Amino acid sequence: MAAAKSRKLGLEIDARLYARLDQVARRNGQSRRFLLEQALKHYLEMVVPSEGTLHPEVLRRLRRSVEKNRKLMKLLAD
């Protein structure tokens, strides 16, 4: 099996954000690179696909509202 390829990425981030990243990495015994890769993976797999869709809490509240107002909606439709 071929080794996974990697690419270099140079970036500039907020100093406070970097300090938090460094603190978490040290506390967990992980590298900053690992944490950044995990964060990017999570963003690409979980956040990007859900853009443009309803947040689960919004959907729950909508369903609750529809159920609560079902009688009123039926009266208005008739």
C-alpha atoms as a PDB file:
ATOM      1  CA  MET A   1       0.000   0.000   0.000  1.00  0.00           C
ATOM      2  CA  ALA A   2       1.374   3.397  -0.948  1.00  0.00           C
ATOM      3  CA  ALA A   3       2.133   5.852   1.809  1.00  0.00           C
ATOM      4  CA  ALA A   4      -0.302   8.733   2.175  1.00  0.00           C
ATOM      5  CA  LYS A   5       0.933  11.891   0.536  1.00  0.00           C
ATOM      6  CA  SER A   6       1.063  15.147   2.400  1.00  0.00           C
ATOM      7  CA  ARG A   7       1.266  18.743   1.293  1.00  0.00           C
ATOM      8  CA  LYS A   8       2.855  21.700   3.038  1.00  0.00           C
ATOM      9  CA  LEU A   9       0.597  24.536   4.016  1.00  0.00           C
ATOM     10  CA  GLY A  10       1.781  27.867   5.326  1.00  0.00           C
ATOM     11  CA  LEU A  11      -0.778  29.890   7.193  1.00  0.00           C
ATOM     12  CA  GLU A  12      -1.059  32.780   9.569  1.00  0.00           C
ATOM     13  CA  ILE A  13      -3.608  32.575  12.382  1.00  0.00           C
ATOM     14  CA  ASP A  14      -4.646  34.693  15.336  1.00  0.00           C
ATOM     15  CA  ALA A  15      -2.055  34.497  18.139  1.00  0.00           C
ATOM     16  CA  ARG A  16      -4.659  33.683  20.796  1.00  0.00           C
ATOM     17  CA  LEU A  17      -6.101  30.895  18.678  1.00  0.00           C
ATOM     18  CA  TYR A  18      -2.619  29.486  18.130  1.00  0.00           C
ATOM     19  CA  ALA A  19      -1.939  29.609  21.886  1.00  0.00           C
ATOM     20  CA  ARG A  20      -5.135  27.655  22.560  1.00  0.00           C
ATOM     21  CA  LEU A  21      -4.221  25.119  19.886  1.00  0.00           C
ATOM     22  CA  ASP A  22      -0.757  24.724  21.389  1.00  0.00           C
ATOM     23  CA  GLN A  23      -2.193  24.349  24.907  1.00  0.00           C
ATOM     24  CA  VAL A  24      -4.638  21.621  23.837  1.00  0.00           C
ATOM     25  CA  ALA A  25      -1.945  19.792  21.880  1.00  0.00           C
ATOM     26  CA  ARG A  26       0.425  19.771  24.858  1.00  0.00           C
ATOM     27  CA  ARG A  27      -2.297  18.765  27.314  1.00  0.00           C
ATOM     28  CA  ASN A  28      -3.382  15.850  25.095  1.00  0.00           C
ATOM     29  CA  GLY A  29       0.099  14.815  24.014  1.00  0.00           C
ATOM     30  CA  GLN A  30      -0.776  15.481  20.376  1.00  0.00           C
ATOM     31  CA  SER A  31       0.868  17.558  17.709  1.00  0.00           C
ATOM     32  CA  ARG A  32      -0.584  20.812  16.464  1.00  0.00           C
ATOM     33  CA  ARG A  33      -0.523  19.296  12.991  1.00  0.00           C
ATOM     34  CA  PHE A  34      -2.691  16.380  14.133  1.00  0.00           C
ATOM     35  CA  LEU A  35      -5.213  18.702  15.772  1.00  0.00           C
ATOM     36  CA  LEU A  36      -5.383  20.951  12.716  1.00  0.00           C
ATOM     37  CA  GLU A  37      -5.874  17.955  10.428  1.00  0.00           C
ATOM     38  CA  GLN A  38      -8.654  16.628  12.652  1.00  0.00           C
ATOM     39  CA  ALA A  39     -10.353  20.023  12.789  1.00  0.00           C
ATOM     40  CA  LEU A  40     -10.160  20.408   9.013  1.00  0.00           C
ATOM     41  CA  LYS A  41     -11.445  16.866   8.479  1.00  0.00           C
ATOM     42  CA  HIS A  42     -14.380  17.511  10.823  1.00  0.00           C
ATOM     43  CA  TYR A  43     -15.193  20.768   9.046  1.00  0.00           C
ATOM     44  CA  LEU A  44     -15.098  19.206   5.593  1.00  0.00           C
ATOM     45  CA  GLU A  45     -17.079  16.083   6.561  1.00  0.00           C
ATOM     46  CA  MET A  46     -19.598  17.512   9.014  1.00  0.00           C
ATOM     47  CA  VAL A  47     -20.007  21.243   8.522  1.00  0.00           C
ATOM     48  CA  VAL A  48     -19.710  21.768   4.781  1.00  0.00           C
ATOM     49  CA  PRO A  49     -22.293  19.096   3.818  1.00  0.00           C
ATOM     50  CA  SER A  50     -24.813  20.517   6.280  1.00  0.00           C
ATOM     51  CA  GLU A  51     -24.605  24.077   4.975  1.00  0.00           C
ATOM     52  CA  GLY A  52     -27.931  25.031   3.495  1.00  0.00           C
ATOM     53  CA  THR A  53     -29.826  22.479   5.557  1.00  0.00           C
ATOM     54  CA  LEU A  54     -31.795  23.058   8.708  1.00  0.00           C
ATOM     55  CA  HIS A  55     -30.009  22.734  12.013  1.00  0.00           C
ATOM     56  CA  PRO A  56     -31.441  19.743  13.946  1.00  0.00           C
ATOM     57  CA  GLU A  57     -32.737  21.984  16.751  1.00  0.00           C
ATOM     58  CA  VAL A  58     -34.542  24.213  14.254  1.00  0.00           C
ATOM     59  CA  LEU A  59     -36.132  21.159  12.663  1.00  0.00           C
ATOM     60  CA  ARG A  60     -37.248  19.835  16.087  1.00  0.00           C
ATOM     61  CA  ARG A  61     -38.836  23.166  16.951  1.00  0.00           C
ATOM     62  CA  LEU A  62     -40.583  23.350  13.579  1.00  0.00           C
ATOM     63  CA  ARG A  63     -42.067  19.880  14.027  1.00  0.00           C
ATOM     64  CA  ARG A  64     -43.181  20.731  17.561  1.00  0.00           C
ATOM     65  CA  SER A  65     -44.841  23.923  16.316  1.00  0.00           C
ATOM     66  CA  VAL A  66     -46.623  22.117  13.479  1.00  0.00           C
ATOM     67  CA  GLU A  67     -47.934  19.484  15.863  1.00  0.00           C
ATOM     68  CA  LYS A  68     -49.030  22.105  18.390  1.00  0.00           C
ATOM     69  CA  ASN A  69     -50.890  24.124  15.731  1.00  0.00           C
ATOM     70  CA  ARG A  70     -52.290  21.232  13.699  1.00  0.00           C
ATOM     71  CA  LYS A  71     -55.936  22.005  14.619  1.00  0.00           C
ATOM     72  CA  LEU A  72     -55.550  25.672  13.734  1.00  0.00           C
ATOM     73  CA  MET A  73     -53.929  24.831  10.383  1.00  0.00           C
ATOM     74  CA  LYS A  74     -56.784  22.447   9.593  1.00  0.00           C
ATOM     75  CA  LEU A  75     -59.405  25.096  10.424  1.00  0.00           C
ATOM     76  CA  LEU A  76     -57.631  27.657   8.264  1.00  0.00           C
ATOM     77  CA  ALA A  77     -57.353  25.207   5.359  1.00  0.00           C
ATOM     78  CA  ASP A  78     -61.106  24.505   5.299  1.00  0.00           C
END
